Structures are given as C-alpha cells and as structure tokens.
Amino acid sequence: MGSMFDDDYFITEISKYSYIFPNPRFASDEGLLAYGGDLNPNRILNAYRKGIFPWFNENDPILWWSPNPRLVLYPNEFKVSKSFKKVLRNKKFSVKFDTNFEQTIRMCAKIREDKEGTWLIKDMRDAYIELHHMGFAHSVEVYDNDEFIGGLYGVAMGKAFFGESMVSLKPNASKIALKALSDVLSSRGYHFIDCQVATEHLQRLGAKLIDRDIFLDQLEDSLNYGGDIGSWRSFKWEYKDGWWNKWIFIVGRFYRERFY
C-alpha cells in the first residue's frame, strides 16, 4: 500500500458505538488506519484479533495501527549471545508470571515518562489492567531477591502473544523476561510474539520483519487454537542450557513446519 501522507488516503473515524475496524490489509505501510472510539477492553481485543493495536500520545485522539511490515519473534528463534548466556547461567534472578501486573505496567510507563514522555497514559494502563483481570493480559516479572528489576507485559489470544512494552531497571532484566516468555510460549505451542514495529534491539534478539499480509494470515490461523485465558501465575521458568534449548527448538520447529 501507499503512504498515509498521500492526498487520497482516508483514515476512518471509529464510533464509540461500533467495534468494527477497517480491513488492515488496505492500510498504509505506516499502518494508521483509524482514530477515535474508546479503550473498552472488548474493543481492544477485537482490534488485536484483526492485527490492529492502539498507540497514541496524551491529548491526541485514540489512534489505531497495523504497520507493514510487522516485527514478530517466533518463540524458538530467540538468539542468546555468548555474553547473555553468561548472565542466564549465573541465575542471579528469578522470573515470575502474573504476580504483579500493575507494577509491571506502571514501571513500563514511568521509565519512559522520565525520559521522553509516554504513550502509556492512565487510560491505557487502566484498560490493560482490566484486560489482565479478564485473563487476557499477562506480565513476566524479573526479581533480584524480592526486588522488581524489570519485565514485560502483553496480551495473549489463541496461540498468539502480542507484546506491548518492556522495562529494565537493571541490565538485561527485560531480555531475561523475553527469553523466559519465549521458552514458555514455545513449549505451549504458541506461534509467534507480535513485536509490532521494528527495533534494532529486538531484531538482535531474533525478531524479524514479515509482510503484513503474511502476519495477518498467521494471526488468523493462531486464533483457531485454544489459548490460556486466566492467570499465568502457575507458569514456571528457569534457564536450562543444552538439551532444554534443543527441545525448545525442536518443538518450535514442529509447530512452524506443521502450521506454516
């Protein structure tokens, strides 16, 4: 598709009384396809099902995006560098799931607000906290003893995980969280982690850009499978070198070859 700056490109206004979105396959490459509506959790879930996500700054209207290309991380393709492997082997940390979602999203907002301002305004945080209570939004938290040092959060539907934000209060904390999430999702047959837009950091960790149409096809397929609605607090992870990583790779490859 063309650019949203083209004279003939139309951005749809969403009514508060309708959860219908434009077809993202016809959106501009930048991905902005609609504005307006609200942050009702059910609207957000409907957006994710269509490959669309909200992203806007304070005092802006709510903006809805589906960029092309799309950055995704296939769980079994997480790249562990030699230096990061040393961090993982030291095990001077613990990883938990869904034990403190509100702190995780709050710290994701604060670290950005302190630097350059944040899109994670209170209305956005409240919406995802509600999605957490509904069993769709989840956090991965990293602790040094009992001190929260980083993590991430996102939304899970079917066999897709939509990453939203990460935070590190100490070096490597968010990478540890993403590695833990990748391993757990791979073992549970998840197809991909949606990373939304390109960043060098995530690409160094194994994420890759794919055409939006391919992403939307894979998303449609992943939603045909049962997911893990509800608390993930019982999920466990410890870094295991050698055979475990080979097992994760084999399981991930099996799902990739079977479904794609």
Protein backbone atom coordinates (compact mmCIF):
# COMPACT_ATOMS: atom_id res chain seq x y z
CA MET A 1 0.00 0.00 0.00
CA GLY A 2 0.95 3.65 -0.25
CA SER A 3 1.60 6.21 2.45
CA MET A 4 -0.81 7.78 4.91
CA PHE A 5 0.52 11.12 3.64
CA ASP A 6 -0.90 10.54 0.16
CA ASP A 7 -3.63 13.03 -0.73
CA ASP A 8 -6.20 10.31 -1.39
CA TYR A 9 -5.52 8.23 1.75
CA PHE A 10 -8.53 8.06 4.07
CA ILE A 11 -8.31 7.44 7.83
CA THR A 12 -11.57 6.09 9.24
CA GLU A 13 -13.21 7.62 12.29
CA ILE A 14 -14.39 4.92 14.71
CA SER A 15 -17.70 5.39 16.50
CA LYS A 16 -17.92 4.73 20.23
CA TYR A 17 -20.95 2.59 19.45
CA SER A 18 -19.30 0.26 16.94
CA TYR A 19 -16.41 -2.18 17.31
CA ILE A 20 -15.94 -2.53 13.55
CA PHE A 21 -12.48 -1.68 12.16
CA PRO A 22 -11.36 -1.13 8.56
CA ASN A 23 -9.59 -4.01 6.86
CA PRO A 24 -5.91 -3.66 7.85
CA ARG A 25 -4.77 -5.27 4.60
CA PHE A 26 -5.66 -1.97 2.89
CA ALA A 27 -3.93 0.28 5.42
CA SER A 28 -0.91 2.40 4.52
CA ASP A 29 2.54 0.99 5.18
CA GLU A 30 2.88 3.30 8.19
CA GLY A 31 -0.19 1.50 9.50
CA LEU A 32 -2.51 4.24 10.72
CA LEU A 33 -5.98 3.16 9.63
CA ALA A 34 -8.44 4.62 12.14
CA TYR A 35 -8.95 7.04 15.01
CA GLY A 36 -11.50 7.53 17.74
CA GLY A 37 -13.66 5.06 19.60
CA ASP A 38 -12.60 4.26 23.14
CA LEU A 39 -10.39 1.90 25.11
CA ASN A 40 -13.09 -0.51 26.13
CA PRO A 41 -11.26 -3.82 26.71
CA ASN A 42 -13.59 -5.65 24.31
CA ARG A 43 -12.78 -3.13 21.57
CA ILE A 44 -9.06 -3.66 22.19
CA LEU A 45 -9.48 -7.45 21.98
CA ASN A 46 -11.38 -7.08 18.73
CA ALA A 47 -8.57 -4.89 17.39
CA TYR A 48 -5.93 -7.50 18.28
CA ARG A 49 -7.96 -10.18 16.51
CA LYS A 50 -7.68 -8.04 13.37
CA GLY A 51 -3.96 -7.33 13.78
CA ILE A 52 -4.59 -3.77 14.98
CA PHE A 53 -3.35 -2.05 18.15
CA PRO A 54 -3.85 1.35 19.84
CA TRP A 55 -0.90 3.75 20.03
CA PHE A 56 -1.19 7.47 20.70
CA ASN A 57 0.13 10.29 22.87
CA GLU A 58 -1.65 12.16 25.60
CA ASN A 59 -4.07 14.80 24.27
CA ASP A 60 -4.20 13.02 20.88
CA PRO A 61 -7.25 11.12 19.67
CA ILE A 62 -7.02 7.33 20.05
CA LEU A 63 -5.07 6.08 17.02
CA TRP A 64 -5.29 2.51 15.67
CA TRP A 65 -2.37 0.96 13.77
CA SER A 66 -1.41 -2.08 11.69
CA PRO A 67 2.02 -1.39 10.18
CA ASN A 68 3.66 -3.05 7.18
CA PRO A 69 5.99 -4.85 7.57
CA ARG A 70 5.33 -6.34 11.01
CA LEU A 71 8.00 -7.33 13.53
CA VAL A 72 7.49 -10.80 15.01
CA LEU A 73 9.55 -13.12 17.17
CA TYR A 74 9.00 -16.83 16.70
CA PRO A 75 9.48 -18.20 20.23
CA ASN A 76 12.05 -20.87 19.30
CA GLU A 77 14.18 -18.34 17.38
CA PHE A 78 15.27 -16.22 20.34
CA LYS A 79 19.00 -15.53 19.94
CA VAL A 80 21.20 -15.90 23.01
CA SER A 81 24.58 -14.18 22.68
CA LYS A 82 27.64 -15.51 24.50
CA SER A 83 27.57 -12.61 26.94
CA PHE A 84 23.85 -13.05 27.64
CA LYS A 85 24.31 -16.79 28.10
CA LYS A 86 26.72 -15.99 30.97
CA VAL A 87 24.03 -13.81 32.56
CA LEU A 88 21.48 -16.61 32.27
CA ARG A 89 23.86 -19.22 33.66
CA ASN A 90 24.61 -17.10 36.74
CA LYS A 91 20.93 -17.29 37.73
CA LYS A 92 21.14 -14.23 39.98
CA PHE A 93 17.46 -13.58 39.39
CA SER A 94 14.04 -15.21 39.49
CA VAL A 95 11.20 -14.97 36.97
CA LYS A 96 7.50 -14.94 37.80
CA PHE A 97 4.34 -14.65 35.73
CA ASP A 98 1.31 -12.53 36.61
CA THR A 99 2.34 -11.87 40.22
CA ASN A 100 2.36 -8.08 39.88
CA PHE A 101 0.89 -6.94 36.58
CA GLU A 102 0.06 -3.45 37.81
CA GLN A 103 3.61 -2.76 38.97
CA THR A 104 4.98 -4.00 35.65
CA ILE A 105 2.81 -1.74 33.51
CA ARG A 106 3.34 1.17 35.90
CA MET A 107 7.12 0.83 35.66
CA CYS A 108 6.95 0.50 31.87
CA ALA A 109 5.16 3.86 31.83
CA LYS A 110 7.41 5.54 34.40
CA ILE A 111 10.71 4.70 32.75
CA ARG A 112 9.51 6.27 29.50
CA GLU A 113 7.82 9.21 31.17
CA ASP A 114 11.08 10.07 32.92
CA LYS A 115 12.93 10.06 29.58
CA GLU A 116 10.76 11.46 26.79
CA GLY A 117 7.12 11.12 27.79
CA THR A 118 4.94 8.06 27.43
CA TRP A 119 2.03 6.76 25.40
CA LEU A 120 1.17 4.57 28.40
CA ILE A 121 -1.16 7.18 29.88
CA LYS A 122 -3.54 6.35 32.72
CA ASP A 123 -6.44 5.42 30.40
CA MET A 124 -4.21 2.93 28.57
CA ARG A 125 -2.91 1.44 31.80
CA ASP A 126 -6.43 1.10 33.19
CA ALA A 127 -7.60 -0.67 30.02
CA TYR A 128 -4.79 -3.25 30.14
CA ILE A 129 -5.23 -3.77 33.87
CA GLU A 130 -8.86 -4.62 33.12
CA LEU A 131 -7.69 -6.99 30.37
CA HIS A 132 -5.45 -8.61 32.97
CA HIS A 133 -8.40 -9.11 35.30
CA MET A 134 -10.28 -10.63 32.34
CA GLY A 135 -7.44 -13.16 31.86
CA PHE A 136 -6.06 -11.83 28.56
CA ALA A 137 -3.19 -9.52 29.55
CA HIS A 138 -0.16 -11.01 31.28
CA SER A 139 3.11 -9.90 32.82
CA VAL A 140 6.52 -11.52 33.06
CA GLU A 141 8.49 -10.13 36.01
CA VAL A 142 12.16 -10.44 36.90
CA TYR A 143 13.31 -10.16 40.51
CA ASP A 144 16.64 -9.81 42.28
CA ASN A 145 15.71 -11.48 45.56
CA ASP A 146 12.37 -9.72 46.17
CA GLU A 147 13.23 -6.54 44.24
CA PHE A 148 11.45 -5.98 40.94
CA ILE A 149 14.16 -5.22 38.35
CA GLY A 150 12.27 -5.47 35.07
CA GLY A 151 9.80 -7.31 32.92
CA LEU A 152 7.25 -7.04 30.17
CA TYR A 153 3.53 -7.33 29.54
CA GLY A 154 1.26 -8.13 26.64
CA VAL A 155 -1.94 -9.80 25.53
CA ALA A 156 -2.47 -13.49 24.68
CA MET A 157 -5.20 -14.77 22.38
CA GLY A 158 -5.30 -18.20 20.81
CA LYS A 159 -1.69 -19.16 20.10
CA ALA A 160 -0.53 -15.56 19.59
CA PHE A 161 1.10 -13.24 22.11
CA PHE A 162 1.01 -9.50 21.46
CA GLY A 163 3.91 -7.80 23.21
CA GLU A 164 3.19 -4.30 24.44
CA SER A 165 6.08 -2.93 26.50
CA MET A 166 9.26 -3.89 28.34
CA VAL A 167 11.24 -2.32 31.16
CA SER A 168 14.70 -2.83 32.66
CA LEU A 169 15.66 -1.26 35.97
CA LYS A 170 18.88 -3.30 35.95
CA PRO A 171 20.91 -4.53 32.94
CA ASN A 172 19.42 -7.44 30.95
CA ALA A 173 16.21 -7.68 33.01
CA SER A 174 13.81 -7.21 30.09
CA LYS A 175 15.87 -9.62 27.95
CA ILE A 176 15.58 -12.24 30.68
CA ALA A 177 11.80 -11.70 30.73
CA LEU A 178 11.58 -12.07 26.96
CA LYS A 179 13.74 -15.20 26.99
CA ALA A 180 11.51 -16.71 29.70
CA LEU A 181 8.37 -15.82 27.77
CA SER A 182 9.79 -17.24 24.53
CA ASP A 183 10.67 -20.56 26.16
CA VAL A 184 7.32 -20.95 27.90
CA LEU A 185 5.32 -19.97 24.82
CA SER A 186 7.35 -22.31 22.61
CA SER A 187 6.73 -25.22 24.98
CA ARG A 188 3.00 -24.43 24.90
CA GLY A 189 2.79 -24.33 21.12
CA TYR A 190 2.42 -20.58 20.60
CA HIS A 191 3.04 -19.47 17.02
CA PHE A 192 4.61 -16.03 17.48
CA ILE A 193 5.17 -12.96 19.65
CA ASP A 194 3.96 -9.82 17.90
CA CYS A 195 6.56 -7.09 18.44
CA GLN A 196 4.61 -4.59 16.30
CA VAL A 197 7.24 -2.19 14.92
CA ALA A 198 10.92 -2.65 14.08
CA THR A 199 13.59 -2.03 16.71
CA GLU A 200 17.26 -2.96 16.40
CA HIS A 201 17.23 -4.32 19.96
CA LEU A 202 14.51 -6.89 19.26
CA GLN A 203 15.96 -7.80 15.88
CA ARG A 204 19.27 -8.60 17.56
CA LEU A 205 17.31 -10.98 19.80
CA GLY A 206 15.88 -12.82 16.81
CA ALA A 207 12.76 -10.90 15.83
CA LYS A 208 12.21 -10.48 12.10
CA LEU A 209 10.16 -8.29 9.80
CA ILE A 210 7.48 -10.02 7.75
CA ASP A 211 4.93 -8.73 5.27
CA ARG A 212 1.70 -7.58 6.91
CA ASP A 213 -0.40 -9.95 4.81
CA ILE A 214 1.71 -12.89 5.98
CA PHE A 215 1.35 -11.71 9.57
CA LEU A 216 -2.42 -11.42 9.24
CA ASP A 217 -2.61 -14.91 7.70
CA GLN A 218 -0.59 -16.35 10.59
CA LEU A 219 -2.70 -14.44 13.10
CA GLU A 220 -5.94 -15.82 11.66
CA ASP A 221 -4.51 -19.33 11.94
CA SER A 222 -3.26 -18.85 15.51
CA LEU A 223 -6.71 -17.71 16.67
CA ASN A 224 -8.17 -21.07 15.64
CA TYR A 225 -6.42 -22.73 18.59
CA GLY A 226 -7.27 -22.68 22.25
CA GLY A 227 -5.24 -20.31 24.38
CA ASP A 228 -4.51 -19.79 28.05
CA ILE A 229 -7.19 -17.42 29.32
CA GLY A 230 -6.88 -16.74 33.04
CA SER A 231 -3.97 -16.30 35.41
CA TRP A 232 -0.50 -17.42 34.35
CA ARG A 233 0.78 -17.34 37.91
CA SER A 234 1.35 -21.09 37.86
CA PHE A 235 3.73 -20.84 34.86
CA LYS A 236 7.34 -21.61 35.83
CA TRP A 237 10.64 -20.98 34.10
CA GLU A 238 14.32 -21.50 34.81
CA TYR A 239 17.12 -21.21 32.30
CA LYS A 240 18.29 -24.62 31.19
CA ASP A 241 21.30 -24.91 28.93
CA GLY A 242 21.97 -27.60 26.39
CA TRP A 243 19.26 -30.21 25.93
CA TRP A 244 16.39 -27.94 27.02
CA ASN A 245 17.17 -25.35 24.38
CA LYS A 246 17.38 -28.10 21.76
CA TRP A 247 13.98 -29.37 22.91
CA ILE A 248 12.50 -25.85 22.67
CA PHE A 249 13.90 -25.53 19.15
CA ILE A 250 12.51 -28.92 18.07
CA VAL A 251 9.04 -28.18 19.49
CA GLY A 252 9.00 -24.74 17.89
CA ARG A 253 10.15 -26.12 14.53
CA PHE A 254 7.44 -28.78 14.69
CA TYR A 255 4.72 -26.16 15.10
CA ARG A 256 6.22 -23.92 12.43
CA GLU A 257 6.50 -26.72 9.85
CA ARG A 258 3.08 -28.14 10.69
CA PHE A 259 1.15 -24.87 10.54
CA TYR A 260 3.18 -22.76 8.09
